[in-house]
Amino acid sequence: MAELTLDDVTKVFTEDDGNEITAVDEVSVDIEDGEFLVLVGPSGCGKSTTLRMIAGLETITTGEIRLAGRRINEKPPAERDIAMVFQSYALYPHMTVQQNMSFGLEESTEMNDDEIESKVADTAELMEIKELLDRKPSDLSGGQQQRVALGRAIVRAPEAFLMDEPLSNLDAKLRATMRTELQRIQDDLDVTTVYVTHDQTEAMTMGDRIAILNDGILQQVGTPLECYHTPNNRFVAGFIGDPSMNFFEMDVDGETLVIDRFEYPLKPAQQEAISGRSDVVFGIRPEDIRIKEPGGLSDNYQFEVTVDVVEPRGDENTIHLTFDRSVDDPVTFTATVSGLRNISAGDEVVATFPPDSIHLFDTDSGVAVHNRTFDSEDATHQVL
């Protein structure tokens, strides 16, 4: 077990025509001993390339990677004391589960056969695959193969685990089960782990912290709740959360934000945050919008809107609303309500945008200039 540090790590690929593509651009992050860090972002953002550089499968253009304080840039993969779990599981098809799990120990350690057999048996019991040791990968389900791949990594007792979307080949129900299992196993082993995924649900539910990448650039590193409630920029705010945060590009008119269909008065702290700007991007998450039956508007944060589309999800309904369905280009946004609530397309309702729940972003850079009220200690106490 050890700390893992990425210090201005950059990867530049050169195409056949000589053009250079920067896949990872000066990424720096300190991963604590025993921490579970999730690298998340859209396809092509550089997360798998970053993982492969840590593993030694890709060379580093510039920067430094340190494991337990030791520079490992020039070390071959076999000498890095890192175990990697691939998306495809990469099991040897002609070998049994026992042989697959033993192979790394046979090749990289001086353990005798009895020691290896004991180590594999203990790991198989941990992974609940002891009865599968004599089977070959073709005789296993996807979930069982995934457990074998994990067991093969665990049996080596490395200083760090790297996992490249290991759950993506599983069905939704099994993926949810394995998320819980992976967290339990990582917690039991207390091994530094870097986990790559494009699935924000996995990122939010599994990581001690998450690192969000876009176009090879690190956007934010923080706890899941920090990234969700206090995003660094508009990209993070839009990428984390399902349904995504609502955004409105609005003009600043004194103490009020203005768009064609509605106006929104700002509190003093919000006014100060956008001082000197002529326009901003207004953001609010769907679950923060309150929906009530039509009636008199009681304050300046309430607006009469029309339900456009309802998406039932069981525990909740995702509803798409518009300020004016009659125009060609209506302003639309999304809210969530209880799944028990009877609501239909065409209903007239009142939407409230609470002032303590809004976010404001710079129009040009996307940088957050004001985030919603969020107390991480209070949130932790509520979870406990």
Protein backbone atom coordinates (compact mmCIF):
# COMPACT_ATOMS: atom_id res chain seq x y z
CA MET A 1 0.00 0.00 0.00
CA ALA A 2 1.33 3.42 -0.92
CA GLU A 3 0.62 6.95 -1.99
CA LEU A 4 0.40 7.53 -5.73
CA THR A 5 1.30 10.94 -7.15
CA LEU A 6 0.82 12.32 -10.66
CA ASP A 7 2.86 15.50 -11.14
CA ASP A 8 2.09 17.48 -14.34
CA VAL A 9 1.70 14.25 -16.31
CA THR A 10 1.30 14.85 -20.04
CA LYS A 11 0.86 12.49 -22.99
CA VAL A 12 1.27 13.70 -26.57
CA PHE A 13 0.63 11.37 -29.51
CA THR A 14 2.20 12.09 -32.91
CA GLU A 15 0.15 11.14 -35.95
CA ASP A 16 1.58 9.80 -39.21
CA ASP A 17 1.37 13.27 -40.78
CA GLY A 18 3.37 14.79 -37.94
CA ASN A 19 0.45 16.45 -36.15
CA GLU A 20 0.57 16.23 -32.38
CA ILE A 21 -2.46 15.40 -30.25
CA THR A 22 -2.35 16.10 -26.53
CA ALA A 23 -4.36 13.32 -24.90
CA VAL A 24 -3.48 14.23 -21.29
CA ASP A 25 -2.42 17.75 -20.42
CA GLU A 26 -0.42 18.38 -17.20
CA VAL A 27 -2.60 16.31 -14.89
CA SER A 28 -1.58 16.55 -11.22
CA VAL A 29 -3.25 14.66 -8.39
CA ASP A 30 -2.13 13.17 -5.08
CA ILE A 31 -3.82 9.86 -4.23
CA GLU A 32 -3.54 8.93 -0.58
CA ASP A 33 -2.53 5.55 0.77
CA GLY A 34 -5.62 3.32 0.70
CA GLU A 35 -7.76 5.86 -1.14
CA PHE A 36 -10.30 4.92 -3.82
CA LEU A 37 -10.01 7.55 -6.57
CA VAL A 38 -12.34 7.44 -9.57
CA LEU A 39 -11.24 9.00 -12.88
CA VAL A 40 -14.39 9.97 -14.73
CA GLY A 41 -15.21 11.82 -17.91
CA PRO A 42 -16.68 11.41 -21.39
CA SER A 43 -15.20 9.10 -24.03
CA GLY A 44 -11.89 10.38 -25.33
CA CYS A 45 -11.17 12.62 -22.33
CA GLY A 46 -7.85 10.91 -21.49
CA LYS A 47 -8.82 8.85 -18.45
CA SER A 48 -7.75 5.45 -19.83
CA THR A 49 -4.54 6.96 -21.22
CA THR A 50 -3.79 8.31 -17.74
CA LEU A 51 -4.37 4.86 -16.25
CA ARG A 52 -2.14 3.22 -18.85
CA MET A 53 0.67 5.68 -18.07
CA ILE A 54 0.42 4.78 -14.38
CA ALA A 55 0.60 1.09 -15.34
CA GLY A 56 3.56 1.64 -17.66
CA LEU A 57 1.64 0.60 -20.78
CA GLU A 58 2.04 4.11 -22.24
CA THR A 59 5.17 6.23 -22.05
CA ILE A 60 4.93 9.64 -20.39
CA THR A 61 5.76 12.62 -22.58
CA THR A 62 6.47 14.95 -19.66
CA GLY A 63 5.81 14.96 -15.94
CA GLU A 64 6.40 12.40 -13.23
CA ILE A 65 4.57 9.53 -11.56
CA ARG A 66 5.63 8.47 -8.07
CA LEU A 67 4.54 5.42 -6.10
CA ALA A 68 5.43 5.41 -2.40
CA GLY A 69 7.68 8.37 -3.14
CA ARG A 70 9.63 6.51 -5.86
CA ARG A 71 9.69 7.75 -9.44
CA ILE A 72 8.38 4.98 -11.69
CA ASN A 73 8.38 6.70 -15.11
CA GLU A 74 11.11 4.47 -16.54
CA LYS A 75 10.17 1.24 -14.76
CA PRO A 76 8.58 -1.50 -16.88
CA PRO A 77 5.08 -2.61 -15.88
CA ALA A 78 6.33 -5.78 -14.20
CA GLU A 79 8.50 -3.78 -11.80
CA ARG A 80 5.93 -1.23 -10.67
CA ASP A 81 4.14 -3.41 -8.10
CA ILE A 82 0.80 -2.38 -9.62
CA ALA A 83 -2.04 -4.72 -10.61
CA MET A 84 -4.47 -3.80 -13.38
CA VAL A 85 -7.97 -5.06 -14.10
CA PHE A 86 -9.04 -4.56 -17.71
CA GLN A 87 -12.45 -3.95 -19.21
CA SER A 88 -12.21 -7.21 -21.17
CA TYR A 89 -10.99 -9.16 -18.08
CA ALA A 90 -8.07 -10.50 -20.20
CA LEU A 91 -8.23 -14.03 -18.77
CA TYR A 92 -6.19 -16.80 -20.40
CA PRO A 93 -8.87 -18.96 -22.10
CA HIS A 94 -6.82 -22.20 -22.01
CA MET A 95 -6.15 -21.94 -18.27
CA THR A 96 -8.40 -22.78 -15.36
CA VAL A 97 -9.36 -20.15 -12.79
CA GLN A 98 -6.70 -21.61 -10.47
CA GLN A 99 -4.05 -21.28 -13.17
CA ASN A 100 -5.14 -17.79 -14.16
CA MET A 101 -4.86 -16.58 -10.58
CA SER A 102 -1.55 -18.38 -10.00
CA PHE A 103 0.22 -17.27 -13.16
CA GLY A 104 1.34 -13.84 -11.95
CA LEU A 105 2.73 -15.24 -8.72
CA GLU A 106 4.61 -17.97 -10.57
CA GLU A 107 6.21 -15.48 -12.95
CA SER A 108 7.00 -12.60 -10.59
CA THR A 109 7.67 -14.15 -7.15
CA GLU A 110 9.80 -16.85 -5.59
CA MET A 111 6.87 -18.42 -3.75
CA ASN A 112 6.71 -22.22 -3.88
CA ASP A 113 3.70 -24.16 -5.19
CA ASP A 114 2.16 -24.70 -1.76
CA GLU A 115 2.41 -21.00 -0.89
CA ILE A 116 0.86 -20.01 -4.21
CA GLU A 117 -1.96 -22.53 -3.82
CA SER A 118 -2.73 -21.24 -0.32
CA LYS A 119 -2.66 -17.63 -1.48
CA VAL A 120 -5.01 -18.36 -4.39
CA ALA A 121 -7.39 -20.31 -2.14
CA ASP A 122 -7.61 -17.44 0.36
CA THR A 123 -8.25 -14.91 -2.41
CA ALA A 124 -10.83 -17.15 -4.08
CA GLU A 125 -12.68 -17.40 -0.79
CA LEU A 126 -12.63 -13.61 -0.45
CA MET A 127 -14.03 -13.28 -3.98
CA GLU A 128 -16.56 -16.10 -3.41
CA ILE A 129 -15.27 -18.10 -6.38
CA LYS A 130 -13.63 -21.04 -4.56
CA GLU A 131 -15.94 -23.53 -6.24
CA LEU A 132 -14.89 -22.22 -9.68
CA LEU A 133 -11.15 -22.87 -9.42
CA ASP A 134 -11.21 -25.88 -11.77
CA ARG A 135 -13.30 -24.19 -14.46
CA LYS A 136 -12.08 -22.35 -17.55
CA PRO A 137 -13.23 -18.79 -18.46
CA SER A 138 -15.57 -20.08 -21.18
CA ASP A 139 -17.57 -21.89 -18.50
CA LEU A 140 -18.09 -18.74 -16.42
CA SER A 141 -20.67 -15.97 -16.53
CA GLY A 142 -19.63 -12.36 -17.04
CA GLY A 143 -19.87 -11.63 -13.34
CA GLN A 144 -17.80 -14.70 -12.46
CA GLN A 145 -15.11 -13.75 -14.99
CA GLN A 146 -15.02 -10.29 -13.49
CA ARG A 147 -14.45 -11.75 -10.03
CA VAL A 148 -11.64 -13.94 -11.36
CA ALA A 149 -9.97 -10.92 -12.97
CA LEU A 150 -10.20 -9.06 -9.68
CA GLY A 151 -8.93 -12.09 -7.78
CA ARG A 152 -5.93 -12.39 -10.10
CA ALA A 153 -5.04 -8.78 -9.25
CA ILE A 154 -5.70 -9.14 -5.51
CA VAL A 155 -3.65 -12.31 -5.10
CA ARG A 156 -0.49 -10.38 -5.96
CA ALA A 157 -0.99 -7.98 -3.00
CA PRO A 158 0.26 -4.97 -5.03
CA GLU A 159 0.86 -1.49 -3.72
CA ALA A 160 -1.89 -0.12 -6.00
CA PHE A 161 -4.82 -1.36 -8.08
CA LEU A 162 -5.77 0.10 -11.45
CA MET A 163 -9.23 -0.69 -12.85
CA ASP A 164 -10.26 0.26 -16.39
CA GLU A 165 -14.07 0.18 -16.60
CA PRO A 166 -14.24 -3.38 -15.19
CA LEU A 167 -18.04 -3.37 -14.84
CA SER A 168 -18.98 -2.06 -18.29
CA ASN A 169 -19.60 -5.53 -19.77
CA LEU A 170 -22.10 -6.52 -17.09
CA ASP A 171 -25.87 -6.07 -17.18
CA ALA A 172 -27.35 -3.22 -15.13
CA LYS A 173 -28.45 -5.30 -12.14
CA LEU A 174 -25.16 -7.19 -11.83
CA ARG A 175 -23.23 -3.96 -12.30
CA ALA A 176 -25.03 -2.44 -9.32
CA THR A 177 -24.27 -5.52 -7.21
CA MET A 178 -20.62 -5.53 -8.19
CA ARG A 179 -20.28 -1.82 -7.36
CA THR A 180 -21.11 -2.70 -3.77
CA GLU A 181 -18.81 -5.73 -3.80
CA LEU A 182 -15.89 -3.72 -5.16
CA GLN A 183 -16.29 -1.09 -2.47
CA ARG A 184 -16.40 -3.78 0.23
CA ILE A 185 -13.32 -5.55 -1.10
CA GLN A 186 -11.32 -2.34 -1.52
CA ASP A 187 -12.28 -1.26 1.98
CA ASP A 188 -11.22 -4.63 3.40
CA LEU A 189 -7.89 -4.62 1.55
CA ASP A 190 -7.26 -0.89 2.10
CA VAL A 191 -5.22 -0.70 -1.13
CA THR A 192 -4.71 2.50 -3.11
CA THR A 193 -7.05 2.20 -6.10
CA VAL A 194 -7.55 4.20 -9.29
CA TYR A 195 -10.79 3.31 -11.07
CA VAL A 196 -11.67 4.57 -14.54
CA THR A 197 -15.26 4.94 -15.73
CA HIS A 198 -17.45 7.09 -17.93
CA ASP A 199 -20.44 6.22 -15.72
CA GLN A 200 -21.12 9.07 -13.30
CA THR A 201 -23.24 6.77 -11.11
CA GLU A 202 -20.20 4.58 -10.51
CA ALA A 203 -18.11 7.68 -9.81
CA MET A 204 -20.58 9.16 -7.34
CA THR A 205 -21.27 5.93 -5.46
CA MET A 206 -17.82 4.31 -5.36
CA GLY A 207 -15.09 6.90 -4.99
CA ASP A 208 -13.64 8.47 -1.86
CA ARG A 209 -12.83 11.25 -4.30
CA ILE A 210 -13.45 11.71 -8.01
CA ALA A 211 -11.22 13.35 -10.60
CA ILE A 212 -13.11 14.73 -13.60
CA LEU A 213 -11.33 14.99 -16.95
CA ASN A 214 -12.37 16.69 -20.18
CA ASP A 215 -10.24 16.94 -23.32
CA GLY A 216 -7.25 15.71 -21.35
CA ILE A 217 -7.51 18.51 -18.78
CA LEU A 218 -8.28 17.89 -15.12
CA GLN A 219 -11.42 19.86 -14.28
CA GLN A 220 -11.87 19.11 -10.58
CA VAL A 221 -10.80 16.72 -7.83
CA GLY A 222 -12.99 16.37 -4.77
CA THR A 223 -15.46 14.21 -2.90
CA PRO A 224 -18.55 13.22 -4.88
CA LEU A 225 -20.70 15.69 -2.91
CA GLU A 226 -18.21 18.53 -3.38
CA CYS A 227 -18.13 18.02 -7.15
CA TYR A 228 -21.91 17.71 -7.28
CA HIS A 229 -22.84 20.72 -5.14
CA THR A 230 -19.85 23.01 -5.70
CA PRO A 231 -18.63 22.35 -9.25
CA ASN A 232 -15.57 24.26 -10.45
CA ASN A 233 -17.12 25.03 -13.80
CA ARG A 234 -20.06 24.51 -16.11
CA PHE A 235 -18.63 21.30 -17.57
CA VAL A 236 -18.45 19.60 -14.17
CA ALA A 237 -21.91 20.90 -13.27
CA GLY A 238 -23.38 19.50 -16.46
CA PHE A 239 -21.50 16.21 -16.50
CA ILE A 240 -22.16 15.17 -12.90
CA GLY A 241 -25.84 14.54 -12.22
CA ASP A 242 -28.67 12.77 -14.01
CA PRO A 243 -30.81 14.50 -15.15
CA SER A 244 -28.22 17.15 -15.88
CA MET A 245 -28.23 20.63 -14.37
CA ASN A 246 -30.43 23.19 -16.14
CA PHE A 247 -28.60 26.13 -17.72
CA PHE A 248 -29.96 29.48 -18.86
CA GLU A 249 -27.82 32.13 -20.56
CA MET A 250 -29.05 35.39 -19.05
CA ASP A 251 -28.27 39.11 -19.20
CA VAL A 252 -27.44 41.10 -16.08
CA ASP A 253 -29.76 44.05 -15.53
CA GLY A 254 -28.78 45.68 -12.26
CA GLU A 255 -29.85 43.32 -9.46
CA THR A 256 -31.78 41.03 -11.80
CA LEU A 257 -30.99 38.34 -14.37
CA VAL A 258 -33.10 38.61 -17.52
CA ILE A 259 -34.02 36.26 -20.33
CA ASP A 260 -36.88 36.38 -22.85
CA ARG A 261 -39.30 34.35 -20.73
CA PHE A 262 -38.46 35.23 -17.13
CA GLU A 263 -36.53 37.47 -14.76
CA TYR A 264 -34.68 36.39 -11.64
CA PRO A 265 -33.78 38.77 -8.76
CA LEU A 266 -30.43 38.11 -7.08
CA LYS A 267 -29.46 38.15 -3.44
CA PRO A 268 -26.67 40.60 -2.38
CA ALA A 269 -23.95 37.89 -2.27
CA GLN A 270 -24.95 36.71 -5.74
CA GLN A 271 -24.88 40.28 -7.06
CA GLU A 272 -21.37 40.72 -5.69
CA ALA A 273 -20.22 37.44 -7.27
CA ILE A 274 -21.15 38.59 -10.79
CA SER A 275 -20.13 42.25 -10.34
CA GLY A 276 -18.90 43.79 -13.60
CA ARG A 277 -20.43 41.13 -15.85
CA SER A 278 -23.04 41.89 -18.50
CA ASP A 279 -24.19 38.28 -18.79
CA VAL A 280 -23.87 34.97 -16.93
CA VAL A 281 -25.04 31.38 -17.13
CA PHE A 282 -27.69 30.56 -14.52
CA GLY A 283 -27.79 26.93 -13.33
CA ILE A 284 -30.10 24.91 -11.12
CA ARG A 285 -30.41 21.16 -10.61
CA PRO A 286 -33.72 19.45 -11.43
CA GLU A 287 -34.25 18.15 -7.89
CA ASP A 288 -33.87 21.67 -6.47
CA ILE A 289 -36.84 22.99 -8.46
CA ARG A 290 -40.10 22.83 -6.52
CA ILE A 291 -43.30 22.14 -8.43
CA LYS A 292 -46.74 22.99 -7.08
CA GLU A 293 -50.27 23.25 -8.42
CA PRO A 294 -51.22 26.45 -10.29
CA GLY A 295 -52.24 29.40 -8.17
CA GLY A 296 -51.10 32.83 -7.15
CA LEU A 297 -47.36 33.52 -7.33
CA SER A 298 -46.20 34.26 -3.79
CA ASP A 299 -42.70 35.59 -4.57
CA ASN A 300 -40.34 36.60 -7.38
CA TYR A 301 -38.77 33.14 -7.56
CA GLN A 302 -41.96 31.43 -8.78
CA PHE A 303 -42.96 31.06 -12.42
CA GLU A 304 -45.99 29.74 -14.27
CA VAL A 305 -44.92 26.96 -16.63
CA THR A 306 -46.38 24.12 -18.69
CA VAL A 307 -45.48 20.43 -18.48
CA ASP A 308 -44.17 19.35 -21.87
CA VAL A 309 -43.04 15.72 -21.35
CA VAL A 310 -43.20 13.33 -18.38
CA GLU A 311 -40.68 10.51 -17.98
CA PRO A 312 -41.75 8.06 -15.24
CA ARG A 313 -38.82 6.42 -13.43
CA GLY A 314 -40.71 4.64 -10.67
CA ASP A 315 -39.37 6.36 -7.57
CA GLU A 316 -39.56 9.74 -9.29
CA ASN A 317 -40.81 11.44 -12.43
CA THR A 318 -38.54 13.52 -14.63
CA ILE A 319 -40.64 16.31 -16.09
CA HIS A 320 -39.69 18.65 -18.92
CA LEU A 321 -41.26 22.08 -18.62
CA THR A 322 -41.50 25.19 -20.76
CA PHE A 323 -42.33 28.82 -20.13
CA ASP A 324 -44.19 29.12 -23.44
CA ARG A 325 -45.10 26.12 -25.61
CA SER A 326 -46.68 28.34 -28.27
CA VAL A 327 -43.41 29.82 -29.59
CA ASP A 328 -41.04 28.19 -32.06
CA ASP A 329 -38.05 28.21 -29.72
CA PRO A 330 -39.40 27.83 -26.17
CA VAL A 331 -37.20 28.03 -23.08
CA THR A 332 -37.29 24.55 -21.55
CA PHE A 333 -35.89 23.00 -18.39
CA THR A 334 -36.12 19.80 -16.34
CA ALA A 335 -37.37 19.07 -12.83
CA THR A 336 -37.90 15.93 -10.78
CA VAL A 337 -40.92 15.13 -8.61
CA SER A 338 -42.08 12.13 -6.61
CA GLY A 339 -43.03 9.06 -8.62
CA LEU A 340 -46.33 8.97 -6.72
CA ARG A 341 -47.32 12.37 -8.02
CA ASN A 342 -49.96 12.42 -10.73
CA ILE A 343 -48.71 14.82 -13.38
CA SER A 344 -49.27 14.83 -17.14
CA ALA A 345 -48.11 16.62 -20.27
CA GLY A 346 -50.05 19.82 -20.77
CA ASP A 347 -50.58 20.50 -17.06
CA GLU A 348 -50.10 24.09 -15.91
CA VAL A 349 -47.94 24.28 -12.76
CA VAL A 350 -45.85 26.74 -10.76
CA ALA A 351 -42.09 26.21 -10.59
CA THR A 352 -39.99 27.68 -7.78
CA PHE A 353 -36.25 28.30 -8.22
CA PRO A 354 -35.03 28.69 -4.60
CA PRO A 355 -32.30 31.36 -4.39
CA ASP A 356 -30.13 29.21 -2.09
CA SER A 357 -30.00 26.47 -4.77
CA ILE A 358 -28.76 28.38 -7.82
CA HIS A 359 -25.34 28.37 -9.50
CA LEU A 360 -23.82 31.14 -11.63
CA PHE A 361 -21.08 30.63 -14.24
CA ASP A 362 -18.98 32.94 -16.34
CA THR A 363 -20.42 32.92 -19.86
CA ASP A 364 -17.06 32.77 -21.69
CA SER A 365 -14.87 30.58 -19.47
CA GLY A 366 -17.59 28.51 -17.79
CA VAL A 367 -15.89 29.00 -14.42
CA ALA A 368 -18.26 28.95 -11.45
CA VAL A 369 -18.53 32.38 -9.83
CA HIS A 370 -21.23 31.36 -7.34
CA ASN A 371 -22.40 27.93 -6.15
CA ARG A 372 -25.44 26.89 -4.19
CA THR A 373 -25.38 26.83 -0.41
CA PHE A 374 -23.60 23.64 0.69
CA ASP A 375 -22.07 22.66 4.00
CA SER A 376 -20.02 19.47 3.62
CA GLU A 377 -20.05 18.81 7.40
CA ASP A 378 -23.84 19.12 7.55
CA ALA A 379 -24.15 16.78 4.57
CA THR A 380 -21.89 14.22 6.24
CA HIS A 381 -23.94 14.35 9.43
CA GLN A 382 -27.16 13.84 7.47
CA VAL A 383 -25.67 10.76 5.76
CA LEU A 384 -24.53 9.32 9.08
